[in-house]
């Protein structure tokens, strides 16, 4: 197992992944493991420091999450955040109690002289999110930071290199939070800050060569960022005769998208097998309006089409997948796999006979890092910067039955919205933007005539990873321009609405 400079123990905080991402952005490689990780596995990673994340539990509860007792005997620098701070306080003999008033939101932090605060200053904003607090400090610990409502906002035993903070330095509201995390890694743990996507790419390309040898790899391509980056990495590592990239055009793509995918792969010099399966997919979607039934029908048909192509290549030993680090963390999370909100269309549902060994070159990196990796591999910015697009495609953006006319209205309205978004400079300012055909008709007036046509909804959100999202605050004149063009240029639409729901409670996609 390779050396991991900083290891983050996850106690169930919604912010845990942000710790890893902030450190990686600072050039320090780190990984996230569940709090219950075996001490042998922790030692095998040879960490230079440990970070204990926040979490929803209380350290004084009978069922409180606790790491291995041997963790404290490793002699490594430790940083505790929120719940992690309370764990440190309790373990070393201090006292943690329930607060009379929960503290959520921004606070002003005042700091004392400490090497972990190098280059930082007092009076900066931090983010609090806790219902418990330290009542009494352990022996050997001193206060190094405080806020108006948290006299023990930061504590330390600097002789043992143990630091603990009641606030969350990993969230963007904590103004100098990234600096604090980097200081811990650099000055307390002695970590280098040289990790980057260029080095990662070289390492993974060599790993692919070693894993695959002279065998062949089958790679399903959707045109999305993840599968395109996987294909580009395999292309760097292997000769063309060992790489079989398959693109299934199911007729549910955005306007001109199928051709764009083929053009991009041609530009990159990556051979691509394109399968036109539009008629087959439309056949299985005929009369289907339930969203879960749609997803399953599309998934099963994709497997059938992919299966048929795969059987033509009997000497394939590997299947490439775009598994991300987010998926890996979720699979071993404190809470276990999340309850299914929607089924996910993924190559993971391939039939049992496909006993391939998996090649997953992205399983150690986050979505934003995948984009950086794509740029390192020479993929065009127009592809890398594309907004997320669901596996089932436009089928889940048509409410109700999917047919050619509904897809026409949706494709054209989405294309106009995207054009306007790009021409006004807002495309790269939002995380995702698309239109939804509501299949709801309403009365309108065009000229002197009464109309009874379809309604389109514009959905635009701001997010980091899609786990949570807020609707994008787009200037009204831009929205008005989109609405005017959609209604005037597309026969069959007479009303445009804007979705101002956030996630949660709504999901980003409508189905």
Protein backbone atom coordinates (compact mmCIF):
# COMPACT_ATOMS: atom_id res chain seq x y z
CA UNK A 1 0.00 0.00 0.00
CA UNK A 2 1.35 3.42 -0.96
CA UNK A 3 2.27 6.03 1.60
CA UNK A 4 -0.49 8.51 2.50
CA UNK A 5 0.89 11.69 4.15
CA UNK A 6 -2.38 12.69 5.84
CA UNK A 7 -5.11 10.24 6.80
CA UNK A 8 -8.59 11.58 7.60
CA UNK A 9 -10.74 9.44 9.90
CA UNK A 10 -14.40 9.95 9.02
CA UNK A 11 -16.88 10.19 11.90
CA UNK A 12 -19.86 10.97 9.69
CA UNK A 13 -19.59 14.69 8.99
CA UNK A 14 -21.15 16.02 5.80
CA UNK A 15 -17.95 18.04 5.39
CA UNK A 16 -15.39 15.20 5.65
CA UNK A 17 -14.61 15.04 1.94
CA UNK A 18 -13.89 18.76 1.96
CA UNK A 19 -10.95 18.16 4.32
CA UNK A 20 -9.30 15.88 1.78
CA UNK A 21 -10.09 18.19 -1.11
CA UNK A 22 -8.68 21.28 0.61
CA UNK A 23 -5.44 19.47 1.44
CA UNK A 24 -5.08 18.07 -2.06
CA UNK A 25 -5.64 21.55 -3.50
CA UNK A 26 -2.70 22.60 -1.32
CA UNK A 27 -0.51 19.87 -2.83
CA UNK A 28 -0.75 17.43 0.09
CA UNK A 29 -2.10 13.99 -0.78
CA UNK A 30 -4.52 12.53 1.72
CA UNK A 31 -7.18 9.85 1.94
CA UNK A 32 -10.41 9.35 3.91
CA UNK A 33 -11.10 6.15 5.85
CA UNK A 34 -13.91 5.27 8.29
CA UNK A 35 -13.19 5.93 11.97
CA UNK A 36 -13.29 2.17 12.62
CA UNK A 37 -10.35 1.50 10.26
CA UNK A 38 -8.12 -1.24 11.62
CA UNK A 39 -4.91 0.05 13.17
CA UNK A 40 -2.88 -2.34 10.99
CA UNK A 41 -4.34 -0.72 7.85
CA UNK A 42 -3.66 2.74 9.25
CA UNK A 43 -0.03 1.85 9.94
CA UNK A 44 0.37 0.31 6.48
CA UNK A 45 -0.34 3.71 4.90
CA UNK A 46 2.57 5.24 6.87
CA UNK A 47 0.77 8.53 7.57
CA UNK A 48 2.67 11.55 8.84
CA UNK A 49 -0.44 12.94 10.50
CA UNK A 50 -4.05 12.11 11.37
CA UNK A 51 -7.15 14.30 11.15
CA UNK A 52 -10.30 13.36 13.07
CA UNK A 53 -13.38 14.71 11.28
CA UNK A 54 -16.58 16.13 12.65
CA UNK A 55 -19.69 14.02 13.09
CA UNK A 56 -23.31 14.01 14.29
CA UNK A 57 -22.79 11.91 17.44
CA UNK A 58 -21.94 12.94 21.01
CA UNK A 59 -18.73 11.60 22.54
CA UNK A 60 -20.47 10.96 25.88
CA UNK A 61 -23.16 8.71 24.33
CA UNK A 62 -23.01 4.96 24.87
CA UNK A 63 -22.93 4.36 21.11
CA UNK A 64 -20.41 7.14 20.37
CA UNK A 65 -18.04 6.54 17.47
CA UNK A 66 -14.55 5.82 18.79
CA UNK A 67 -11.36 5.01 16.86
CA UNK A 68 -8.99 2.21 17.82
CA UNK A 69 -7.37 2.89 21.21
CA UNK A 70 -4.02 2.17 19.57
CA UNK A 71 -4.41 5.25 17.39
CA UNK A 72 -3.41 7.45 20.31
CA UNK A 73 -0.20 5.45 20.83
CA UNK A 74 1.18 5.99 17.31
CA UNK A 75 2.89 9.20 18.36
CA UNK A 76 1.68 10.99 15.23
CA UNK A 77 0.49 14.60 15.04
CA UNK A 78 -3.30 14.71 15.35
CA UNK A 79 -5.84 17.38 14.46
CA UNK A 80 -9.43 17.12 15.69
CA UNK A 81 -12.29 19.02 14.06
CA UNK A 82 -15.60 19.55 15.92
CA UNK A 83 -16.48 15.98 17.01
CA UNK A 84 -12.79 15.15 16.60
CA UNK A 85 -11.94 17.99 18.98
CA UNK A 86 -14.39 16.63 21.54
CA UNK A 87 -12.91 13.13 21.18
CA UNK A 88 -9.45 14.50 21.95
CA UNK A 89 -10.79 16.47 24.92
CA UNK A 90 -12.52 13.43 26.39
CA UNK A 91 -9.75 10.91 25.72
CA UNK A 92 -7.08 13.01 27.43
CA UNK A 93 -9.20 13.61 30.53
CA UNK A 94 -11.20 16.74 29.78
CA UNK A 95 -14.98 17.07 29.89
CA UNK A 96 -17.50 17.46 27.07
CA UNK A 97 -21.12 18.47 27.72
CA UNK A 98 -24.23 19.39 25.75
CA UNK A 99 -24.43 23.10 25.00
CA UNK A 100 -27.40 25.09 26.26
CA UNK A 101 -27.60 26.62 22.80
CA UNK A 102 -26.44 24.96 19.60
CA UNK A 103 -24.03 27.05 17.57
CA UNK A 104 -24.48 27.05 13.82
CA UNK A 105 -23.11 29.61 11.40
CA UNK A 106 -20.39 32.21 11.20
CA UNK A 107 -18.22 33.33 14.12
CA UNK A 108 -15.23 35.64 14.50
CA UNK A 109 -12.07 33.83 15.58
CA UNK A 110 -9.36 35.33 17.78
CA UNK A 111 -6.06 33.44 17.82
CA UNK A 112 -3.01 33.25 20.06
CA UNK A 113 0.59 32.74 19.03
CA UNK A 114 1.06 29.19 17.69
CA UNK A 115 3.02 27.66 14.83
CA UNK A 116 -0.19 26.20 13.41
CA UNK A 117 -1.46 29.75 12.85
CA UNK A 118 1.59 30.82 10.83
CA UNK A 119 0.58 33.51 8.35
CA UNK A 120 -2.92 33.81 9.83
CA UNK A 121 -4.53 36.70 11.70
CA UNK A 122 -7.25 37.28 14.30
CA UNK A 123 -10.72 38.52 13.51
CA UNK A 124 -11.35 36.22 10.56
CA UNK A 125 -14.63 34.36 10.01
CA UNK A 126 -14.95 30.64 10.77
CA UNK A 127 -17.90 28.24 10.51
CA UNK A 128 -19.40 26.68 13.63
CA UNK A 129 -21.76 23.67 13.58
CA UNK A 130 -22.03 21.94 16.94
CA UNK A 131 -24.39 21.08 19.77
CA UNK A 132 -21.77 19.93 22.30
CA UNK A 133 -18.81 21.81 23.76
CA UNK A 134 -15.68 21.29 25.82
CA UNK A 135 -16.42 22.22 29.46
CA UNK A 136 -13.00 21.46 30.91
CA UNK A 137 -9.66 21.06 29.13
CA UNK A 138 -7.39 18.05 29.60
CA UNK A 139 -4.12 18.53 31.48
CA UNK A 140 -1.34 19.70 29.18
CA UNK A 141 -3.68 21.50 26.77
CA UNK A 142 -3.92 25.25 26.31
CA UNK A 143 -6.41 27.52 24.58
CA UNK A 144 -5.03 28.83 21.28
CA UNK A 145 -8.24 30.25 19.76
CA UNK A 146 -11.57 31.55 20.97
CA UNK A 147 -14.76 33.15 19.65
CA UNK A 148 -17.56 35.05 21.35
CA UNK A 149 -19.56 31.88 22.10
CA UNK A 150 -16.70 29.35 22.13
CA UNK A 151 -13.98 30.06 24.71
CA UNK A 152 -12.31 26.79 23.62
CA UNK A 153 -12.57 27.27 19.85
CA UNK A 154 -9.01 25.96 19.49
CA UNK A 155 -6.88 23.99 21.95
CA UNK A 156 -3.48 22.32 21.69
CA UNK A 157 -0.87 20.21 23.40
CA UNK A 158 2.00 21.49 21.31
CA UNK A 159 4.51 19.20 22.99
CA UNK A 160 2.59 16.19 21.63
CA UNK A 161 1.62 17.94 18.36
CA UNK A 162 -2.08 17.53 19.09
CA UNK A 163 -4.42 20.30 17.92
CA UNK A 164 -8.20 20.51 18.14
CA UNK A 165 -10.71 23.02 16.78
CA UNK A 166 -14.41 23.43 17.48
CA UNK A 167 -15.02 25.11 14.10
CA UNK A 168 -14.80 23.65 10.59
CA UNK A 169 -11.72 24.93 8.72
CA UNK A 170 -12.64 22.84 5.68
CA UNK A 171 -15.77 24.78 4.66
CA UNK A 172 -15.45 27.85 2.47
CA UNK A 173 -17.06 30.10 5.11
CA UNK A 174 -13.91 29.66 7.24
CA UNK A 175 -11.83 32.36 5.57
CA UNK A 176 -8.35 31.03 6.43
CA UNK A 177 -9.40 27.41 6.91
CA UNK A 178 -7.37 26.04 4.02
CA UNK A 179 -4.30 27.81 5.39
CA UNK A 180 -4.87 26.17 8.79
CA UNK A 181 -5.10 22.68 7.26
CA UNK A 182 -2.01 23.28 5.15
CA UNK A 183 -0.09 24.58 8.18
CA UNK A 184 -0.94 21.40 10.07
CA UNK A 185 0.30 19.26 7.19
CA UNK A 186 3.41 21.33 6.47
CA UNK A 187 4.64 22.65 9.83
CA UNK A 188 3.26 20.08 12.27
CA UNK A 189 3.45 16.89 10.19
CA UNK A 190 6.36 17.80 7.90
CA UNK A 191 4.52 16.90 4.69
CA UNK A 192 5.66 17.95 1.24
CA UNK A 193 3.20 19.94 -0.87
CA UNK A 194 4.23 18.57 -4.24
CA UNK A 195 1.26 16.33 -5.11
CA UNK A 196 -0.42 17.33 -8.38
CA UNK A 197 -2.37 15.94 -11.31
CA UNK A 198 0.70 15.75 -13.54
CA UNK A 199 2.42 13.38 -11.14
CA UNK A 200 -0.79 11.45 -10.57
CA UNK A 201 -1.27 10.97 -14.33
CA UNK A 202 2.24 9.54 -14.77
CA UNK A 203 1.79 7.22 -11.80
CA UNK A 204 -1.58 5.91 -13.05
CA UNK A 205 -0.41 5.42 -16.62
CA UNK A 206 2.41 3.20 -15.36
CA UNK A 207 -0.06 1.36 -13.10
CA UNK A 208 -2.38 0.68 -16.07
CA UNK A 209 0.53 -0.71 -18.11
CA UNK A 210 1.50 -3.01 -15.25
CA UNK A 211 -2.09 -4.18 -14.63
CA UNK A 212 -3.15 -4.74 -18.24
CA UNK A 213 0.07 -6.10 -19.72
CA UNK A 214 -0.61 -7.25 -23.28
CA UNK A 215 -4.36 -7.89 -22.77
CA UNK A 216 -7.27 -5.83 -24.15
CA UNK A 217 -9.52 -3.34 -22.34
CA UNK A 218 -13.16 -2.58 -23.11
CA UNK A 219 -14.19 1.00 -22.29
CA UNK A 220 -17.76 2.28 -22.47
CA UNK A 221 -17.84 5.95 -23.52
CA UNK A 222 -20.80 8.26 -22.88
CA UNK A 223 -19.26 11.55 -23.93
CA UNK A 224 -19.23 12.70 -20.32
CA UNK A 225 -16.15 13.95 -18.53
CA UNK A 226 -15.40 10.82 -16.49
CA UNK A 227 -15.55 8.24 -19.29
CA UNK A 228 -13.67 10.56 -21.66
CA UNK A 229 -10.84 11.04 -19.16
CA UNK A 230 -10.67 7.27 -18.54
CA UNK A 231 -10.45 6.65 -22.30
CA UNK A 232 -7.75 9.32 -22.70
CA UNK A 233 -5.69 7.81 -19.88
CA UNK A 234 -5.98 4.30 -21.34
CA UNK A 235 -4.97 5.70 -24.73
CA UNK A 236 -1.83 7.20 -23.17
CA UNK A 237 -0.97 3.90 -21.51
CA UNK A 238 -1.82 1.36 -24.21
CA UNK A 239 -1.41 0.90 -27.97
CA UNK A 240 -4.61 1.27 -30.01
CA UNK A 241 -4.97 -2.46 -30.62
CA UNK A 242 -5.37 -3.06 -26.88
CA UNK A 243 -8.09 -0.44 -26.33
CA UNK A 244 -11.68 -0.92 -27.47
CA UNK A 245 -13.81 2.19 -26.85
CA UNK A 246 -17.55 1.78 -27.45
CA UNK A 247 -20.00 4.68 -27.75
CA UNK A 248 -23.70 3.79 -27.71
CA UNK A 249 -25.86 6.53 -29.26
CA UNK A 250 -29.23 5.80 -27.70
CA UNK A 251 -31.03 8.79 -29.22
CA UNK A 252 -31.29 10.53 -25.85
CA UNK A 253 -28.35 12.90 -26.22
CA UNK A 254 -28.37 16.68 -26.45
CA UNK A 255 -28.35 18.45 -29.81
CA UNK A 256 -25.36 17.40 -31.97
CA UNK A 257 -23.79 15.63 -28.97
CA UNK A 258 -23.23 12.29 -30.68
CA UNK A 259 -21.24 13.93 -33.47
CA UNK A 260 -19.30 16.04 -30.97
CA UNK A 261 -18.20 12.91 -29.11
CA UNK A 262 -17.04 11.24 -32.33
CA UNK A 263 -15.22 14.38 -33.47
CA UNK A 264 -13.43 14.72 -30.14
CA UNK A 265 -12.19 11.12 -30.14
CA UNK A 266 -11.05 11.50 -33.73
CA UNK A 267 -9.15 14.65 -32.75
CA UNK A 268 -7.49 12.78 -29.88
CA UNK A 269 -6.62 9.86 -32.14
CA UNK A 270 -8.58 7.36 -30.05
CA UNK A 271 -10.38 4.67 -32.12
CA UNK A 272 -14.10 4.65 -31.31
CA UNK A 273 -16.78 2.11 -32.17
CA UNK A 274 -20.11 3.95 -32.49
CA UNK A 275 -23.36 2.00 -32.25
CA UNK A 276 -26.56 3.64 -33.48
CA UNK A 277 -29.22 2.20 -31.19
CA UNK A 278 -31.79 5.02 -31.34
CA UNK A 279 -34.66 2.87 -32.62
CA UNK A 280 -34.05 0.16 -30.03
CA UNK A 281 -34.12 2.60 -27.12
CA UNK A 282 -37.21 4.43 -28.37
CA UNK A 283 -38.98 1.10 -28.67
CA UNK A 284 -38.42 0.16 -25.01
CA UNK A 285 -39.46 3.66 -23.87
CA UNK A 286 -42.75 3.62 -25.76
CA UNK A 287 -45.60 4.26 -23.32
CA UNK A 288 -43.28 4.42 -20.29
CA UNK A 289 -43.86 7.41 -17.99
CA UNK A 290 -42.67 6.26 -14.55
CA UNK A 291 -39.13 7.61 -13.94
CA UNK A 292 -37.76 4.47 -12.27
CA UNK A 293 -39.18 2.29 -15.04
CA UNK A 294 -37.52 4.59 -17.58
CA UNK A 295 -34.14 4.30 -15.87
CA UNK A 296 -34.35 0.52 -15.63
CA UNK A 297 -35.52 0.13 -19.22
CA UNK A 298 -32.65 2.29 -20.47
CA UNK A 299 -30.14 0.47 -18.26
CA UNK A 300 -31.27 -2.96 -19.42
CA UNK A 301 -31.23 -1.96 -23.09
CA UNK A 302 -27.76 -0.44 -22.70
CA UNK A 303 -26.53 -3.71 -21.21
CA UNK A 304 -28.08 -5.64 -24.08
CA UNK A 305 -26.46 -3.42 -26.74
CA UNK A 306 -23.11 -3.30 -24.93
CA UNK A 307 -23.26 -7.06 -24.35
CA UNK A 308 -23.79 -7.70 -28.06
CA UNK A 309 -20.75 -5.61 -28.98
CA UNK A 310 -18.58 -7.04 -26.20
CA UNK A 311 -19.14 -10.60 -27.41
CA UNK A 312 -17.47 -9.67 -30.70
CA UNK A 313 -14.21 -9.19 -28.79
CA UNK A 314 -13.57 -12.54 -27.14
CA UNK A 315 -10.02 -11.77 -26.02
CA UNK A 316 -10.94 -8.84 -23.75
CA UNK A 317 -9.71 -9.28 -20.16
CA UNK A 318 -10.45 -5.88 -18.61
CA UNK A 319 -13.38 -3.49 -18.30
CA UNK A 320 -12.65 0.20 -17.64
CA UNK A 321 -14.92 2.16 -15.32
CA UNK A 322 -15.02 5.79 -14.19
CA UNK A 323 -15.39 5.06 -10.47
CA UNK A 324 -14.54 8.19 -8.47
CA UNK A 325 -13.12 8.56 -4.96
CA UNK A 326 -16.52 9.85 -3.83
CA UNK A 327 -17.98 6.43 -4.71
CA UNK A 328 -15.20 4.64 -2.82
CA UNK A 329 -15.72 6.75 0.31
CA UNK A 330 -19.50 6.26 0.15
CA UNK A 331 -19.13 2.48 -0.10
CA UNK A 332 -17.30 2.32 3.24
CA UNK A 333 -18.89 5.36 4.88
CA UNK A 334 -19.75 5.60 8.56
CA UNK A 335 -23.44 5.46 7.72
CA UNK A 336 -23.08 2.78 5.04
CA UNK A 337 -24.29 3.20 1.47
CA UNK A 338 -26.88 5.96 1.21
CA UNK A 339 -30.51 5.11 0.78
CA UNK A 340 -31.30 5.00 -2.92
CA UNK A 341 -33.09 8.16 -4.01
CA UNK A 342 -32.87 7.20 -7.68
CA UNK A 343 -31.37 4.12 -9.29
CA UNK A 344 -28.15 4.90 -11.15
CA UNK A 345 -27.49 3.89 -14.73
CA UNK A 346 -23.98 2.50 -14.64
CA UNK A 347 -21.85 -0.10 -16.33
CA UNK A 348 -21.73 -1.75 -12.88
CA UNK A 349 -24.94 -3.53 -13.88
CA UNK A 350 -23.31 -5.61 -16.61
CA UNK A 351 -24.30 -9.30 -16.88
CA UNK A 352 -22.62 -12.05 -14.87
CA UNK A 353 -20.87 -13.59 -17.87
CA UNK A 354 -18.73 -10.48 -18.19
CA UNK A 355 -16.10 -11.68 -15.75
CA UNK A 356 -13.69 -8.88 -16.54
CA UNK A 357 -11.12 -7.49 -14.16
CA UNK A 358 -11.85 -3.82 -13.51
CA UNK A 359 -9.54 -0.96 -14.46
CA UNK A 360 -10.51 2.10 -12.39
CA UNK A 361 -7.88 4.82 -12.86
CA UNK A 362 -10.03 7.56 -11.27
CA UNK A 363 -10.96 5.79 -8.04
CA UNK A 364 -8.53 7.86 -5.96
CA UNK A 365 -9.61 11.33 -7.13
CA UNK A 366 -12.60 13.67 -6.85
CA UNK A 367 -14.71 15.10 -9.68
CA UNK A 368 -12.91 18.45 -9.74
CA UNK A 369 -9.59 16.60 -9.89
CA UNK A 370 -10.86 14.54 -12.84
CA UNK A 371 -11.29 17.78 -14.79
CA UNK A 372 -7.73 18.84 -13.96
CA UNK A 373 -6.49 15.40 -15.01
CA UNK A 374 -8.33 15.71 -18.31
CA UNK A 375 -6.52 18.96 -19.05
CA UNK A 376 -3.20 17.27 -18.22
CA UNK A 377 -4.05 14.58 -20.77
CA UNK A 378 -4.80 17.12 -23.47
CA UNK A 379 -8.59 16.95 -23.59
CA UNK A 380 -10.13 20.18 -24.90
CA UNK A 381 -11.55 22.61 -22.34
CA UNK A 382 -14.88 22.47 -24.16
CA UNK A 383 -15.17 18.81 -23.13
CA UNK A 384 -13.64 19.07 -19.66
CA UNK A 385 -15.83 22.02 -18.71
CA UNK A 386 -19.07 20.36 -19.73
CA UNK A 387 -21.86 20.23 -17.20
CA UNK A 388 -22.86 16.84 -15.72
CA UNK A 389 -25.28 14.84 -17.85
CA UNK A 390 -27.28 11.85 -16.55
CA UNK A 391 -26.75 8.35 -17.91
CA UNK A 392 -30.39 7.98 -19.03
CA UNK A 393 -29.97 11.22 -20.96
CA UNK A 394 -32.90 13.39 -21.99
CA UNK A 395 -35.39 10.64 -21.10
CA UNK A 396 -35.45 11.79 -17.48
CA UNK A 397 -35.84 15.43 -18.51
CA UNK A 398 -39.10 14.66 -20.28
CA UNK A 399 -41.85 14.35 -17.70
CA UNK A 400 -44.06 11.45 -18.73
CA UNK A 401 -43.92 9.64 -22.06
CA UNK A 402 -40.78 9.94 -24.16
CA UNK A 403 -41.32 10.34 -27.89
CA UNK A 404 -39.58 12.00 -30.82
CA UNK A 405 -41.67 15.19 -30.60
CA UNK A 406 -40.98 15.59 -26.87
CA UNK A 407 -37.26 15.06 -27.48
CA UNK A 408 -37.31 17.65 -30.29
CA UNK A 409 -38.83 20.30 -28.01
CA UNK A 410 -36.42 19.47 -25.22
CA UNK A 411 -33.31 19.37 -27.45
CA UNK A 412 -34.07 22.67 -29.13
CA UNK A 413 -34.95 24.48 -25.91
CA UNK A 414 -31.83 23.16 -24.18
CA UNK A 415 -29.64 24.20 -27.11
CA UNK A 416 -31.00 27.76 -27.02
CA UNK A 417 -30.57 28.00 -23.25
CA UNK A 418 -26.96 26.74 -23.52
CA UNK A 419 -26.18 29.22 -26.32
CA UNK A 420 -27.48 32.12 -24.24
CA UNK A 421 -25.63 30.93 -21.15
CA UNK A 422 -22.33 30.76 -23.03
CA UNK A 423 -22.76 34.04 -24.91
CA UNK A 424 -23.41 35.90 -21.64
CA UNK A 425 -20.43 34.31 -19.86
CA UNK A 426 -22.51 32.41 -17.30
CA UNK A 427 -21.89 28.84 -18.48
CA UNK A 428 -18.77 28.40 -16.33
CA UNK A 429 -20.37 30.22 -13.39
CA UNK A 430 -23.00 27.54 -12.78
CA UNK A 431 -22.44 23.88 -11.96
CA UNK A 432 -25.24 22.54 -14.12
CA UNK A 433 -27.90 23.98 -16.42
CA UNK A 434 -30.59 22.29 -18.50
CA UNK A 435 -34.22 22.45 -19.55
CA UNK A 436 -37.05 20.13 -18.57
CA UNK A 437 -40.13 19.44 -20.69
CA UNK A 438 -42.99 19.36 -18.20
CA UNK A 439 -45.55 17.84 -20.58
CA UNK A 440 -48.00 20.36 -19.16
CA UNK A 441 -49.90 22.47 -21.64
CA UNK A 442 -51.27 25.93 -20.95
CA UNK A 443 -53.16 28.67 -22.74
CA UNK A 444 -51.23 31.45 -24.42
CA UNK A 445 -51.67 34.19 -27.00
CA UNK A 446 -49.38 34.61 -30.00
CA UNK A 447 -50.40 37.40 -32.35
CA UNK A 448 -54.18 37.32 -32.42
CA UNK A 449 -54.35 33.58 -31.93
CA UNK A 450 -54.97 31.47 -28.87
CA UNK A 451 -52.37 28.75 -28.25
CA UNK A 452 -52.42 25.67 -26.08
CA UNK A 453 -48.82 24.49 -26.00
CA UNK A 454 -46.08 22.99 -23.86
CA UNK A 455 -44.23 24.40 -20.87
CA UNK A 456 -40.45 24.24 -20.48
CA UNK A 457 -38.66 24.68 -17.16
CA UNK A 458 -35.12 26.05 -16.96
CA UNK A 459 -33.04 24.51 -14.17
CA UNK A 460 -29.68 26.02 -13.16
CA UNK A 461 -27.79 25.25 -9.97
CA UNK A 462 -24.60 26.18 -8.15
CA UNK A 463 -22.78 23.33 -6.41
CA UNK A 464 -19.37 21.82 -5.71
CA UNK A 465 -20.07 18.11 -6.02
CA UNK A 466 -23.80 17.75 -6.62
CA UNK A 467 -24.46 16.47 -3.09
CA UNK A 468 -26.09 19.79 -2.20
CA UNK A 469 -27.03 22.63 -4.52
CA UNK A 470 -28.70 26.02 -4.62
CA UNK A 471 -30.54 27.49 -7.57
CA UNK A 472 -28.41 29.90 -9.58
CA UNK A 473 -29.23 33.60 -9.25
CA UNK A 474 -29.11 34.46 -12.94
CA UNK A 475 -29.87 38.07 -13.95
CA UNK A 476 -33.48 38.47 -15.04
CA UNK A 477 -32.57 39.96 -18.40
CA UNK A 478 -30.62 36.80 -19.29
CA UNK A 479 -33.53 34.58 -18.26
CA UNK A 480 -35.86 36.82 -20.24
CA UNK A 481 -33.67 36.44 -23.32
CA UNK A 482 -33.73 32.65 -22.98
CA UNK A 483 -37.50 32.62 -22.58
CA UNK A 484 -38.09 34.92 -25.53
CA UNK A 485 -35.93 32.87 -27.89
CA UNK A 486 -37.37 29.51 -26.78
CA UNK A 487 -40.97 30.66 -27.27
CA UNK A 488 -40.33 32.50 -30.53
CA UNK A 489 -38.05 29.93 -32.18
CA UNK A 490 -39.63 26.63 -31.17
CA UNK A 491 -43.05 25.70 -32.47
CA UNK A 492 -44.96 23.98 -29.67
CA UNK A 493 -43.76 25.92 -26.60
CA UNK A 494 -45.59 28.96 -25.24
CA UNK A 495 -44.43 29.16 -21.63
CA UNK A 496 -41.04 29.08 -19.84
CA UNK A 497 -40.60 28.86 -16.05
CA UNK A 498 -37.51 28.92 -13.79
CA UNK A 499 -36.90 26.37 -11.02
CA UNK A 500 -35.88 28.09 -7.75
CA UNK A 501 -35.65 24.90 -5.64
CA UNK A 502 -32.48 23.93 -3.80
CA UNK A 503 -31.11 20.46 -2.98
CA UNK A 504 -32.27 19.35 -0.48
CA UNK A 505 -35.25 19.15 -0.42
CA UNK A 506 -35.45 18.88 -4.22
CA UNK A 507 -33.00 16.88 -6.33
CA UNK A 508 -31.12 18.55 -9.17
CA UNK A 509 -32.73 16.42 -11.87
CA UNK A 510 -36.52 16.25 -11.95
CA UNK A 511 -36.65 12.46 -12.38
